[in-house]
């Protein structure tokens, strides 16, 4: 059974929560822990982005700084999302159409 990922990337290039879960559930298809570690970093970036968005409301005097931090976190999210997809392709657990390949039996 292949898992379709074509619709699991937001228009801005970030991975959806569903695609993160699918990648996480299949990251053990390779021996090293690189995908798992990158997914943890991505989760931390998203948590930080949510935190900075709250700061915009809590600290209106620092609104510009927190908007900049939110934008920076989104940029990191897109870069890391792209990196994760490319790594999954290079390691052979998703194909060029973004389908997670069936596990070898």
C-alpha atoms as a PDB file:
ATOM      1  CA  UNK A   1       0.000   0.000   0.000  1.00  0.00           C
ATOM      2  CA  UNK A   2       1.443   3.354  -1.054  1.00  0.00           C
ATOM      3  CA  UNK A   3       0.556   6.553   0.794  1.00  0.00           C
ATOM      4  CA  UNK A   4      -0.206   9.513  -1.483  1.00  0.00           C
ATOM      5  CA  UNK A   5       1.511  12.754  -0.438  1.00  0.00           C
ATOM      6  CA  UNK A   6       0.700  14.993  -3.393  1.00  0.00           C
ATOM      7  CA  UNK A   7      -1.899  16.961  -1.435  1.00  0.00           C
ATOM      8  CA  UNK A   8       0.006  16.952   1.824  1.00  0.00           C
ATOM      9  CA  UNK A   9       2.134  20.013   1.172  1.00  0.00           C
ATOM     10  CA  UNK A  10       0.685  23.446   1.799  1.00  0.00           C
ATOM     11  CA  UNK A  11       0.798  25.912  -1.101  1.00  0.00           C
ATOM     12  CA  UNK A  12       3.641  27.759   0.624  1.00  0.00           C
ATOM     13  CA  UNK A  13       5.789  24.597   0.646  1.00  0.00           C
ATOM     14  CA  UNK A  14       5.358  23.565   4.275  1.00  0.00           C
ATOM     15  CA  UNK A  15       4.523  19.976   5.161  1.00  0.00           C
ATOM     16  CA  UNK A  16       1.035  19.385   6.537  1.00  0.00           C
ATOM     17  CA  UNK A  17       0.624  17.705   9.902  1.00  0.00           C
ATOM     18  CA  UNK A  18      -0.602  14.574   8.077  1.00  0.00           C
ATOM     19  CA  UNK A  19       2.545  14.381   5.949  1.00  0.00           C
ATOM     20  CA  UNK A  20       4.727  14.889   9.035  1.00  0.00           C
ATOM     21  CA  UNK A  21       2.940  11.966  10.668  1.00  0.00           C
ATOM     22  CA  UNK A  22       3.377   9.781   7.570  1.00  0.00           C
ATOM     23  CA  UNK A  23       7.063  10.644   7.313  1.00  0.00           C
ATOM     24  CA  UNK A  24       7.519  10.040  11.017  1.00  0.00           C
ATOM     25  CA  UNK A  25       5.774   6.668  10.821  1.00  0.00           C
ATOM     26  CA  UNK A  26       8.007   5.638   7.918  1.00  0.00           C
ATOM     27  CA  UNK A  27      11.310   7.247   8.893  1.00  0.00           C
ATOM     28  CA  UNK A  28      12.524   3.925  10.291  1.00  0.00           C
ATOM     29  CA  UNK A  29      12.763   2.595   6.735  1.00  0.00           C
ATOM     30  CA  UNK A  30      16.384   3.754   6.868  1.00  0.00           C
ATOM     31  CA  UNK A  31      18.837   2.869   9.605  1.00  0.00           C
ATOM     32  CA  UNK A  32      20.062   6.335  10.592  1.00  0.00           C
ATOM     33  CA  UNK A  33      18.024   8.757  12.703  1.00  0.00           C
ATOM     34  CA  UNK A  34      18.444  11.810  10.449  1.00  0.00           C
ATOM     35  CA  UNK A  35      14.769  11.981   9.355  1.00  0.00           C
ATOM     36  CA  UNK A  36      13.601  11.592  12.945  1.00  0.00           C
ATOM     37  CA  UNK A  37      15.918  14.356  14.157  1.00  0.00           C
ATOM     38  CA  UNK A  38      14.860  16.703  11.347  1.00  0.00           C
ATOM     39  CA  UNK A  39      11.197  16.064  12.164  1.00  0.00           C
ATOM     40  CA  UNK A  40      11.879  16.993  15.804  1.00  0.00           C
ATOM     41  CA  UNK A  41      13.559  20.221  14.689  1.00  0.00           C
ATOM     42  CA  UNK A  42      10.566  20.998  12.466  1.00  0.00           C
ATOM     43  CA  UNK A  43       8.213  20.463  15.394  1.00  0.00           C
ATOM     44  CA  UNK A  44      10.323  22.821  17.520  1.00  0.00           C
ATOM     45  CA  UNK A  45      10.266  25.466  14.797  1.00  0.00           C
ATOM     46  CA  UNK A  46       6.475  25.250  14.598  1.00  0.00           C
ATOM     47  CA  UNK A  47       6.171  25.518  18.365  1.00  0.00           C
ATOM     48  CA  UNK A  48       8.412  28.589  18.301  1.00  0.00           C
ATOM     49  CA  UNK A  49       6.327  30.153  15.512  1.00  0.00           C
ATOM     50  CA  UNK A  50       3.169  29.684  17.586  1.00  0.00           C
ATOM     51  CA  UNK A  51       4.941  31.198  20.573  1.00  0.00           C
ATOM     52  CA  UNK A  52       6.011  34.289  18.601  1.00  0.00           C
ATOM     53  CA  UNK A  53       2.470  34.723  17.283  1.00  0.00           C
ATOM     54  CA  UNK A  54       1.241  34.843  20.876  1.00  0.00           C
ATOM     55  CA  UNK A  55       3.932  37.391  21.703  1.00  0.00           C
ATOM     56  CA  UNK A  56       2.515  39.705  19.035  1.00  0.00           C
ATOM     57  CA  UNK A  57      -0.672  39.924  21.102  1.00  0.00           C
ATOM     58  CA  UNK A  58       0.994  39.946  24.509  1.00  0.00           C
ATOM     59  CA  UNK A  59       3.716  42.478  23.740  1.00  0.00           C
ATOM     60  CA  UNK A  60       2.341  45.021  21.267  1.00  0.00           C
ATOM     61  CA  UNK A  61       5.386  47.271  21.712  1.00  0.00           C
ATOM     62  CA  UNK A  62       7.525  44.498  20.217  1.00  0.00           C
ATOM     63  CA  UNK A  63       5.081  43.615  17.447  1.00  0.00           C
ATOM     64  CA  UNK A  64       7.520  44.218  14.570  1.00  0.00           C
ATOM     65  CA  UNK A  65      10.183  42.048  16.170  1.00  0.00           C
ATOM     66  CA  UNK A  66       7.769  39.180  16.737  1.00  0.00           C
ATOM     67  CA  UNK A  67       6.319  39.470  13.239  1.00  0.00           C
ATOM     68  CA  UNK A  68       9.866  39.222  11.905  1.00  0.00           C
ATOM     69  CA  UNK A  69      10.518  36.166  14.098  1.00  0.00           C
ATOM     70  CA  UNK A  70       7.282  34.554  12.881  1.00  0.00           C
ATOM     71  CA  UNK A  71       8.275  35.156   9.262  1.00  0.00           C
ATOM     72  CA  UNK A  72      11.739  33.745   9.934  1.00  0.00           C
ATOM     73  CA  UNK A  73      10.221  30.642  11.543  1.00  0.00           C
ATOM     74  CA  UNK A  74       7.991  30.155   8.484  1.00  0.00           C
ATOM     75  CA  UNK A  75      11.049  30.427   6.230  1.00  0.00           C
ATOM     76  CA  UNK A  76      12.855  27.801   8.311  1.00  0.00           C
ATOM     77  CA  UNK A  77       9.742  25.601   8.177  1.00  0.00           C
ATOM     78  CA  UNK A  78       9.670  25.737   4.362  1.00  0.00           C
ATOM     79  CA  UNK A  79      13.393  25.027   4.093  1.00  0.00           C
ATOM     80  CA  UNK A  80      13.222  22.096   6.491  1.00  0.00           C
ATOM     81  CA  UNK A  81      10.061  20.741   4.838  1.00  0.00           C
ATOM     82  CA  UNK A  82      11.838  20.763   1.485  1.00  0.00           C
ATOM     83  CA  UNK A  83      14.908  19.146   3.040  1.00  0.00           C
ATOM     84  CA  UNK A  84      12.819  16.366   4.578  1.00  0.00           C
ATOM     85  CA  UNK A  85      11.071  15.596   1.292  1.00  0.00           C
ATOM     86  CA  UNK A  86      14.343  15.534  -0.606  1.00  0.00           C
ATOM     87  CA  UNK A  87      15.954  13.311   2.032  1.00  0.00           C
ATOM     88  CA  UNK A  88      13.019  10.905   1.821  1.00  0.00           C
ATOM     89  CA  UNK A  89      13.444  10.797  -1.967  1.00  0.00           C
ATOM     90  CA  UNK A  90      17.216  10.281  -1.731  1.00  0.00           C
ATOM     91  CA  UNK A  91      16.783   7.471   0.772  1.00  0.00           C
ATOM     92  CA  UNK A  92      14.120   5.884  -1.424  1.00  0.00           C
ATOM     93  CA  UNK A  93      11.116   5.867   0.841  1.00  0.00           C
ATOM     94  CA  UNK A  94       9.128   8.309  -1.237  1.00  0.00           C
ATOM     95  CA  UNK A  95       9.097   8.472  -5.016  1.00  0.00           C
ATOM     96  CA  UNK A  96       9.296  11.453  -7.362  1.00  0.00           C
ATOM     97  CA  UNK A  97       5.492  11.843  -7.142  1.00  0.00           C
ATOM     98  CA  UNK A  98       5.674  12.134  -3.333  1.00  0.00           C
ATOM     99  CA  UNK A  99       4.217   8.693  -2.635  1.00  0.00           C
ATOM    100  CA  UNK A 100       5.604   6.788   0.318  1.00  0.00           C
ATOM    101  CA  UNK A 101       6.817   3.487  -1.077  1.00  0.00           C
ATOM    102  CA  UNK A 102       5.570   0.188   0.219  1.00  0.00           C
ATOM    103  CA  UNK A 103       7.802  -1.336   2.855  1.00  0.00           C
ATOM    104  CA  UNK A 104       9.859  -4.281   1.610  1.00  0.00           C
ATOM    105  CA  UNK A 105       8.553  -7.584   2.892  1.00  0.00           C
END
